[in-house]
Amino acid sequence: MGKAKKGGFYFLSAVLSLFFIFNFAACDAGVVPSAWVALKSDDGYVYYTSNMYGNTGAHIYLYEDETATNKLLEISFAPRILGPDYTATHGTGETATTVDISGTYSMFIQVYKNTENSVYSAEKDVYLNDEKLTPDLTTDYENYVLLEYYNFRLVRGNPDGKENDVINYIEYK
């Protein structure tokens, strides 16, 4: 093989190698890293919304009952969710909301105090996957308590662009 042919071969090999490297690296590039989150509660009725951003309403509500008239608790995530997901339940019969975890994310929980069947108690805490969370900021208003969380970790539900069986459970107990 002559020098020109060897050089062309190496060049073509390098181009093809780069093509495959970038092509396979891009497979996950179109997938938003997400975590499925569900609220566990023995009280009331849990409702998941499709509000992508929390400025139009919360992402998860806990109501007194199915009539959805008296809010007991609500949860919002920032910067956004991708909507409720029925496929992330993996046959459990549960629904979860899909939280975008591609960057920094936060969670805001409002626990209402002025409802007849209020779940609020100063003795209760928020748990994520059975681990107690410490709020970064707590604001006690007349009608509700706002708990803000900035330093917590959700487990990704779609590593490498493929769904796994991980659902992050939030509990107020």
Protein backbone atom coordinates (compact mmCIF):
# COMPACT_ATOMS: atom_id res chain seq x y z
CA MET A 1 0.00 0.00 0.00
CA GLY A 2 1.40 3.40 -0.93
CA LYS A 3 1.75 6.37 1.40
CA ALA A 4 -1.23 8.15 -0.15
CA LYS A 5 -3.45 5.11 0.28
CA LYS A 6 -2.35 4.60 3.90
CA GLY A 7 -3.00 8.25 4.72
CA GLY A 8 -6.48 8.09 3.15
CA PHE A 9 -7.23 4.89 5.05
CA TYR A 10 -6.24 6.47 8.37
CA PHE A 11 -8.21 9.60 7.60
CA LEU A 12 -11.32 7.60 6.69
CA SER A 13 -10.91 5.47 9.84
CA ALA A 14 -10.64 8.60 12.00
CA VAL A 15 -13.71 10.17 10.38
CA LEU A 16 -15.77 7.01 10.82
CA SER A 17 -14.62 6.64 14.42
CA LEU A 18 -15.62 10.22 15.22
CA PHE A 19 -18.96 9.70 13.47
CA PHE A 20 -19.76 6.67 15.62
CA ILE A 21 -18.53 8.31 18.82
CA PHE A 22 -20.68 11.42 18.30
CA ASN A 23 -23.63 9.39 17.08
CA PHE A 24 -23.69 7.11 20.13
CA ALA A 25 -22.96 9.99 22.52
CA ALA A 26 -25.95 11.85 21.07
CA CYS A 27 -28.31 8.95 21.77
CA ASP A 28 -28.81 10.20 25.33
CA ALA A 29 -28.52 13.87 24.36
CA GLY A 30 -32.22 14.12 23.39
CA VAL A 31 -33.41 12.54 26.64
CA VAL A 32 -34.19 14.87 29.52
CA PRO A 33 -32.84 13.38 32.76
CA SER A 34 -35.99 12.76 34.77
CA ALA A 35 -37.12 11.42 38.11
CA TRP A 36 -40.55 9.97 38.81
CA VAL A 37 -42.04 11.28 42.05
CA ALA A 38 -45.16 10.08 43.84
CA LEU A 39 -46.85 11.27 47.03
CA LYS A 40 -47.63 8.56 49.56
CA SER A 41 -50.47 9.42 51.91
CA ASP A 42 -52.96 7.51 54.01
CA ASP A 43 -55.15 10.62 54.11
CA GLY A 44 -57.14 12.15 51.29
CA TYR A 45 -56.98 12.04 47.52
CA VAL A 46 -53.76 12.64 45.55
CA TYR A 47 -54.04 14.50 42.25
CA TYR A 48 -51.22 15.05 39.71
CA THR A 49 -51.40 17.99 37.29
CA SER A 50 -49.93 18.67 33.87
CA ASN A 51 -48.78 22.19 34.82
CA MET A 52 -45.27 22.20 33.41
CA TYR A 53 -44.16 25.21 35.43
CA GLY A 54 -45.35 25.89 38.96
CA ASN A 55 -46.55 29.42 38.16
CA THR A 56 -49.99 28.16 37.04
CA GLY A 57 -50.54 25.80 39.98
CA ALA A 58 -48.87 23.05 41.93
CA HIS A 59 -47.75 19.75 40.45
CA ILE A 60 -49.13 17.42 43.12
CA TYR A 61 -52.16 18.08 45.32
CA LEU A 62 -53.48 16.21 48.33
CA TYR A 63 -57.20 16.89 48.74
CA GLU A 64 -59.52 15.92 51.55
CA ASP A 65 -61.44 13.59 49.19
CA GLU A 66 -62.25 12.93 45.53
CA THR A 67 -64.39 16.08 45.28
CA ALA A 68 -61.09 18.01 45.23
CA THR A 69 -62.51 20.95 47.15
CA ASN A 70 -60.36 21.19 50.29
CA LYS A 71 -56.59 21.20 49.74
CA LEU A 72 -54.56 19.59 52.50
CA LEU A 73 -51.14 19.83 50.88
CA GLU A 74 -49.54 20.79 47.58
CA ILE A 75 -46.12 20.20 46.06
CA SER A 76 -44.38 22.15 43.30
CA PHE A 77 -41.03 21.55 41.63
CA ALA A 78 -38.77 24.09 39.97
CA PRO A 79 -37.82 24.62 37.27
CA ARG A 80 -40.44 22.25 35.79
CA ILE A 81 -42.10 18.89 35.49
CA LEU A 82 -42.83 16.99 32.31
CA GLY A 83 -46.31 15.94 33.44
CA PRO A 84 -47.95 13.04 35.20
CA ASP A 85 -46.82 9.68 33.94
CA TYR A 86 -48.90 6.57 33.97
CA THR A 87 -46.24 4.38 32.36
CA ALA A 88 -43.75 5.02 35.17
CA THR A 89 -45.96 3.06 37.53
CA HIS A 90 -44.61 -0.25 36.24
CA GLY A 91 -47.84 -2.10 36.89
CA THR A 92 -48.23 -0.89 40.49
CA GLY A 93 -51.44 1.03 39.81
CA GLU A 94 -49.78 4.26 40.96
CA THR A 95 -49.30 7.52 39.15
CA ALA A 96 -46.17 9.64 39.42
CA THR A 97 -45.13 13.04 38.16
CA THR A 98 -42.05 13.35 35.98
CA VAL A 99 -39.58 15.92 37.32
CA ASP A 100 -36.88 17.46 35.12
CA ILE A 101 -33.56 16.93 36.93
CA SER A 102 -31.30 18.09 34.10
CA GLY A 103 -29.98 20.95 36.23
CA THR A 104 -30.56 22.41 39.66
CA TYR A 105 -34.04 21.69 40.97
CA SER A 106 -36.11 22.62 44.02
CA MET A 107 -39.26 21.47 45.80
CA PHE A 108 -41.87 23.58 47.58
CA ILE A 109 -44.48 22.04 49.87
CA GLN A 110 -47.45 23.92 51.29
CA VAL A 111 -49.25 22.20 54.16
CA TYR A 112 -52.61 23.81 54.92
CA LYS A 113 -53.54 24.39 58.55
CA ASN A 114 -57.05 25.81 58.27
CA THR A 115 -58.95 22.85 56.83
CA GLU A 116 -61.32 20.74 58.88
CA ASN A 117 -59.32 17.55 58.26
CA SER A 118 -55.90 19.20 58.18
CA VAL A 119 -52.88 16.89 58.01
CA TYR A 120 -50.64 19.65 59.39
CA SER A 121 -48.66 19.03 62.56
CA ALA A 122 -45.54 20.76 63.82
CA GLU A 123 -44.38 17.25 64.79
CA LYS A 124 -44.49 15.93 61.22
CA ASP A 125 -41.64 15.94 58.72
CA VAL A 126 -41.21 15.38 55.00
CA TYR A 127 -39.55 12.14 53.93
CA LEU A 128 -38.09 11.28 50.55
CA ASN A 129 -37.59 7.56 49.96
CA ASP A 130 -37.90 6.95 53.74
CA GLU A 131 -35.20 9.51 54.59
CA LYS A 132 -36.15 12.61 56.57
CA LEU A 133 -35.54 15.86 54.67
CA THR A 134 -34.55 19.06 56.42
CA PRO A 135 -36.15 22.13 54.83
CA ASP A 136 -33.79 24.86 53.69
CA LEU A 137 -36.45 27.41 54.53
CA THR A 138 -39.68 27.19 56.54
CA THR A 139 -42.23 30.00 56.51
CA ASP A 140 -45.21 29.74 58.84
CA TYR A 141 -48.21 31.68 57.55
CA GLU A 142 -51.62 31.95 59.17
CA ASN A 143 -53.27 29.39 56.88
CA TYR A 144 -50.36 27.19 55.81
CA VAL A 145 -46.71 26.33 56.29
CA LEU A 146 -44.37 26.61 53.30
CA LEU A 147 -41.41 24.21 53.28
CA GLU A 148 -38.66 24.85 50.72
CA TYR A 149 -36.06 22.25 49.74
CA TYR A 150 -33.00 23.03 47.64
CA ASN A 151 -30.51 20.37 48.78
CA PHE A 152 -32.05 16.99 48.14
CA ARG A 153 -31.47 14.22 45.64
CA LEU A 154 -34.01 12.54 43.44
CA VAL A 155 -33.04 9.21 41.91
CA ARG A 156 -33.09 9.35 38.12
CA GLY A 157 -35.70 7.15 36.48
CA ASN A 158 -34.26 7.12 32.96
CA PRO A 159 -30.49 6.56 33.05
CA ASP A 160 -28.98 6.27 29.57
CA GLY A 161 -32.41 7.11 28.17
CA LYS A 162 -33.99 3.88 29.42
CA GLU A 163 -36.69 3.71 32.10
CA ASN A 164 -35.91 1.79 35.26
CA ASP A 165 -38.22 0.85 38.12
CA VAL A 166 -37.33 3.80 40.37
CA ILE A 167 -40.09 5.98 41.79
CA ASN A 168 -39.15 8.58 44.41
CA TYR A 169 -41.75 8.62 47.20
CA ILE A 170 -42.55 11.73 49.23
CA GLU A 171 -44.36 11.35 52.55
CA TYR A 172 -45.51 13.86 55.13
CA LYS A 173 -45.60 11.99 58.43
